Amino acid sequence: MGTNSGADEATQYAALSYEFEEQAAIAEYDGQQTPQQAQRIAYLDAFISLLYALVKDDPHQDWLAQKIQIALASLEEQNFPTLN
């Protein structure tokens, strides 16, 4: 017997694509960002959502927190505005 894993993956991909496009459109039109800036915002939003999902019950939270701090420090060195 086969499974619907391919259909499930396609549905998940479609949902993620829709959410990304929606976030980009909101950033572009409501946030008055350029299309490139809006896509960056949408990517960051998706990445943050993924990190949140990973951290929720991950036994390796300390490792993940360290990687996030390293990434933030790197962004700050490049004068990228962060929330710290």
N, C-alpha and C. Protein backbone atom coordinates (compact mmCIF):
# COMPACT_ATOMS: atom_id res chain seq x y z
N MET A 1 0.84 -1.18 0.00
CA MET A 1 0.00 0.00 0.00
C MET A 1 0.88 1.24 0.00
N GLY A 2 0.51 2.20 -0.78
CA GLY A 2 1.25 3.45 -0.84
C GLY A 2 0.76 4.44 0.19
N THR A 3 1.54 5.47 0.35
CA THR A 3 1.15 6.54 1.26
C THR A 3 0.96 7.82 0.47
N ASN A 4 0.42 8.80 1.10
CA ASN A 4 0.22 10.10 0.46
C ASN A 4 1.32 11.08 0.83
N SER A 5 2.51 10.57 1.18
CA SER A 5 3.57 11.47 1.63
C SER A 5 3.93 12.50 0.56
N GLY A 6 3.88 12.10 -0.71
CA GLY A 6 4.16 13.06 -1.78
C GLY A 6 3.13 14.16 -1.82
N ALA A 7 1.87 13.77 -1.64
CA ALA A 7 0.79 14.76 -1.62
C ALA A 7 0.91 15.65 -0.39
N ASP A 8 1.27 15.05 0.75
CA ASP A 8 1.45 15.83 1.98
C ASP A 8 2.58 16.84 1.82
N GLU A 9 3.69 16.40 1.23
CA GLU A 9 4.81 17.31 1.02
C GLU A 9 4.44 18.43 0.06
N ALA A 10 3.69 18.10 -0.97
CA ALA A 10 3.25 19.13 -1.93
C ALA A 10 2.33 20.14 -1.25
N THR A 11 1.46 19.65 -0.39
CA THR A 11 0.55 20.54 0.34
C THR A 11 1.33 21.44 1.28
N GLN A 12 2.30 20.86 2.00
CA GLN A 12 3.13 21.66 2.91
C GLN A 12 3.93 22.71 2.14
N TYR A 13 4.49 22.31 1.00
CA TYR A 13 5.26 23.24 0.19
C TYR A 13 4.37 24.38 -0.30
N ALA A 14 3.18 24.04 -0.74
CA ALA A 14 2.24 25.06 -1.21
C ALA A 14 1.88 26.03 -0.08
N ALA A 15 1.67 25.50 1.11
CA ALA A 15 1.32 26.35 2.25
C ALA A 15 2.48 27.27 2.62
N LEU A 16 3.70 26.71 2.63
CA LEU A 16 4.87 27.54 2.94
C LEU A 16 5.10 28.61 1.88
N SER A 17 4.92 28.24 0.62
CA SER A 17 5.08 29.21 -0.47
C SER A 17 4.06 30.32 -0.36
N TYR A 18 2.83 29.96 -0.04
CA TYR A 18 1.77 30.95 0.12
C TYR A 18 2.10 31.90 1.27
N GLU A 19 2.53 31.35 2.40
CA GLU A 19 2.87 32.18 3.56
C GLU A 19 4.02 33.14 3.22
N PHE A 20 5.04 32.63 2.50
CA PHE A 20 6.17 33.47 2.12
C PHE A 20 5.70 34.61 1.22
N GLU A 21 4.93 34.28 0.19
CA GLU A 21 4.45 35.30 -0.74
C GLU A 21 3.56 36.33 -0.03
N GLU A 22 2.73 35.85 0.88
CA GLU A 22 1.87 36.76 1.63
C GLU A 22 2.69 37.72 2.50
N GLN A 23 3.70 37.17 3.20
CA GLN A 23 4.56 38.01 4.04
C GLN A 23 5.31 39.03 3.19
N ALA A 24 5.81 38.60 2.04
CA ALA A 24 6.53 39.51 1.15
C ALA A 24 5.61 40.62 0.65
N ALA A 25 4.39 40.27 0.29
CA ALA A 25 3.43 41.27 -0.19
C ALA A 25 3.09 42.27 0.91
N ILE A 26 2.90 41.80 2.12
CA ILE A 26 2.60 42.70 3.24
C ILE A 26 3.76 43.65 3.47
N ALA A 27 4.99 43.11 3.48
CA ALA A 27 6.17 43.96 3.69
C ALA A 27 6.32 44.99 2.57
N GLU A 28 6.04 44.57 1.34
CA GLU A 28 6.20 45.47 0.20
C GLU A 28 5.15 46.57 0.19
N TYR A 29 3.89 46.19 0.33
CA TYR A 29 2.82 47.17 0.18
C TYR A 29 2.53 47.93 1.48
N ASP A 30 2.30 47.20 2.55
CA ASP A 30 2.00 47.87 3.83
C ASP A 30 3.25 48.49 4.44
N GLY A 31 4.39 47.80 4.28
CA GLY A 31 5.64 48.30 4.85
C GLY A 31 6.40 49.23 3.92
N GLN A 32 5.89 49.41 2.71
CA GLN A 32 6.50 50.29 1.71
C GLN A 32 7.98 49.95 1.48
N GLN A 33 8.25 48.64 1.31
CA GLN A 33 9.59 48.16 1.05
C GLN A 33 9.73 47.86 -0.44
N THR A 34 10.97 47.84 -0.91
CA THR A 34 11.21 47.42 -2.29
C THR A 34 10.93 45.92 -2.36
N PRO A 35 10.72 45.38 -3.57
CA PRO A 35 10.49 43.93 -3.67
C PRO A 35 11.63 43.11 -3.07
N GLN A 36 12.87 43.54 -3.29
CA GLN A 36 14.02 42.82 -2.74
C GLN A 36 14.01 42.88 -1.20
N GLN A 37 13.75 44.04 -0.63
CA GLN A 37 13.69 44.16 0.83
C GLN A 37 12.53 43.33 1.38
N ALA A 38 11.41 43.33 0.69
CA ALA A 38 10.24 42.57 1.14
C ALA A 38 10.55 41.07 1.15
N GLN A 39 11.27 40.59 0.14
CA GLN A 39 11.63 39.17 0.12
C GLN A 39 12.59 38.84 1.25
N ARG A 40 13.53 39.72 1.53
CA ARG A 40 14.44 39.49 2.66
C ARG A 40 13.68 39.39 3.97
N ILE A 41 12.72 40.28 4.15
CA ILE A 41 11.89 40.25 5.36
C ILE A 41 11.12 38.94 5.44
N ALA A 42 10.56 38.51 4.32
CA ALA A 42 9.80 37.25 4.31
C ALA A 42 10.71 36.06 4.61
N TYR A 43 11.93 36.05 4.06
CA TYR A 43 12.87 34.97 4.37
C TYR A 43 13.22 34.96 5.85
N LEU A 44 13.50 36.14 6.40
CA LEU A 44 13.82 36.23 7.83
C LEU A 44 12.67 35.75 8.69
N ASP A 45 11.46 36.13 8.32
CA ASP A 45 10.28 35.70 9.07
C ASP A 45 10.15 34.18 9.04
N ALA A 46 10.35 33.59 7.88
CA ALA A 46 10.27 32.13 7.76
C ALA A 46 11.38 31.46 8.58
N PHE A 47 12.58 32.03 8.54
CA PHE A 47 13.71 31.47 9.29
C PHE A 47 13.46 31.54 10.79
N ILE A 48 12.95 32.66 11.25
CA ILE A 48 12.65 32.81 12.68
C ILE A 48 11.57 31.83 13.10
N SER A 49 10.56 31.63 12.27
CA SER A 49 9.51 30.65 12.57
C SER A 49 10.10 29.25 12.68
N LEU A 50 11.02 28.92 11.78
CA LEU A 50 11.66 27.61 11.82
C LEU A 50 12.49 27.46 13.08
N LEU A 51 13.25 28.48 13.43
CA LEU A 51 14.04 28.41 14.66
C LEU A 51 13.15 28.21 15.88
N TYR A 52 12.05 28.92 15.92
CA TYR A 52 11.13 28.78 17.04
C TYR A 52 10.62 27.35 17.14
N ALA A 53 10.28 26.77 16.01
CA ALA A 53 9.77 25.39 16.00
C ALA A 53 10.85 24.41 16.43
N LEU A 54 12.09 24.64 16.04
CA LEU A 54 13.18 23.76 16.42
C LEU A 54 13.50 23.85 17.90
N VAL A 55 13.46 25.05 18.44
CA VAL A 55 13.86 25.27 19.82
C VAL A 55 12.83 24.76 20.82
N LYS A 56 11.61 24.71 20.41
CA LYS A 56 10.51 24.38 21.33
C LYS A 56 10.81 23.16 22.20
N ASP A 57 11.17 22.04 21.62
CA ASP A 57 11.40 20.81 22.38
C ASP A 57 12.76 20.18 22.06
N ASP A 58 13.70 20.98 21.65
CA ASP A 58 14.99 20.45 21.23
C ASP A 58 15.92 20.26 22.44
N PRO A 59 16.47 19.05 22.60
CA PRO A 59 17.40 18.84 23.71
C PRO A 59 18.74 19.55 23.49
N HIS A 60 18.95 20.08 22.30
CA HIS A 60 20.21 20.77 21.98
C HIS A 60 20.03 22.28 21.95
N GLN A 61 19.19 22.80 22.82
CA GLN A 61 18.89 24.23 22.82
C GLN A 61 20.13 25.08 23.04
N ASP A 62 21.05 24.62 23.89
CA ASP A 62 22.26 25.40 24.16
C ASP A 62 23.10 25.56 22.89
N TRP A 63 23.24 24.48 22.12
CA TRP A 63 23.99 24.55 20.87
C TRP A 63 23.33 25.52 19.90
N LEU A 64 22.00 25.42 19.78
CA LEU A 64 21.27 26.29 18.86
C LEU A 64 21.36 27.75 19.30
N ALA A 65 21.25 28.00 20.60
CA ALA A 65 21.35 29.36 21.12
C ALA A 65 22.74 29.93 20.82
N GLN A 66 23.78 29.12 20.95
CA GLN A 66 25.14 29.57 20.65
C GLN A 66 25.26 29.93 19.17
N LYS A 67 24.71 29.12 18.28
CA LYS A 67 24.77 29.41 16.85
C LYS A 67 24.02 30.70 16.52
N ILE A 68 22.90 30.92 17.18
CA ILE A 68 22.13 32.15 16.95
C ILE A 68 22.93 33.36 17.41
N GLN A 69 23.59 33.26 18.56
CA GLN A 69 24.40 34.37 19.07
C GLN A 69 25.56 34.68 18.14
N ILE A 70 26.19 33.66 17.59
CA ILE A 70 27.28 33.85 16.63
C ILE A 70 26.76 34.56 15.38
N ALA A 71 25.60 34.14 14.90
CA ALA A 71 25.01 34.77 13.71
C ALA A 71 24.67 36.23 13.99
N LEU A 72 24.10 36.51 15.16
CA LEU A 72 23.77 37.89 15.52
C LEU A 72 25.02 38.76 15.60
N ALA A 73 26.07 38.23 16.21
CA ALA A 73 27.33 38.99 16.32
C ALA A 73 27.89 39.30 14.94
N SER A 74 27.81 38.33 14.04
CA SER A 74 28.28 38.55 12.67
C SER A 74 27.47 39.63 11.97
N LEU A 75 26.15 39.60 12.14
CA LEU A 75 25.30 40.63 11.54
C LEU A 75 25.60 42.00 12.11
N GLU A 76 25.81 42.08 13.41
CA GLU A 76 26.11 43.36 14.04
C GLU A 76 27.45 43.92 13.56
N GLU A 77 28.44 43.04 13.33
CA GLU A 77 29.73 43.47 12.79
C GLU A 77 29.57 44.11 11.41
N GLN A 78 28.55 43.67 10.68
CA GLN A 78 28.29 44.19 9.34
C GLN A 78 27.31 45.37 9.38
N ASN A 79 27.06 45.89 10.59
CA ASN A 79 26.14 47.01 10.81
C ASN A 79 24.71 46.69 10.38
N PHE A 80 24.34 45.43 10.46
CA PHE A 80 22.97 45.00 10.17
C PHE A 80 22.17 45.21 11.44
N PRO A 81 21.07 45.97 11.39
CA PRO A 81 20.31 46.21 12.61
C PRO A 81 19.69 44.92 13.15
N THR A 82 19.93 44.66 14.43
CA THR A 82 19.36 43.49 15.09
C THR A 82 18.53 43.96 16.27
N LEU A 83 17.86 43.02 16.92
CA LEU A 83 17.01 43.38 18.04
C LEU A 83 17.76 43.43 19.36
N ASN A 84 19.03 43.05 19.40
CA ASN A 84 19.80 43.09 20.65
C ASN A 84 20.08 44.50 21.07
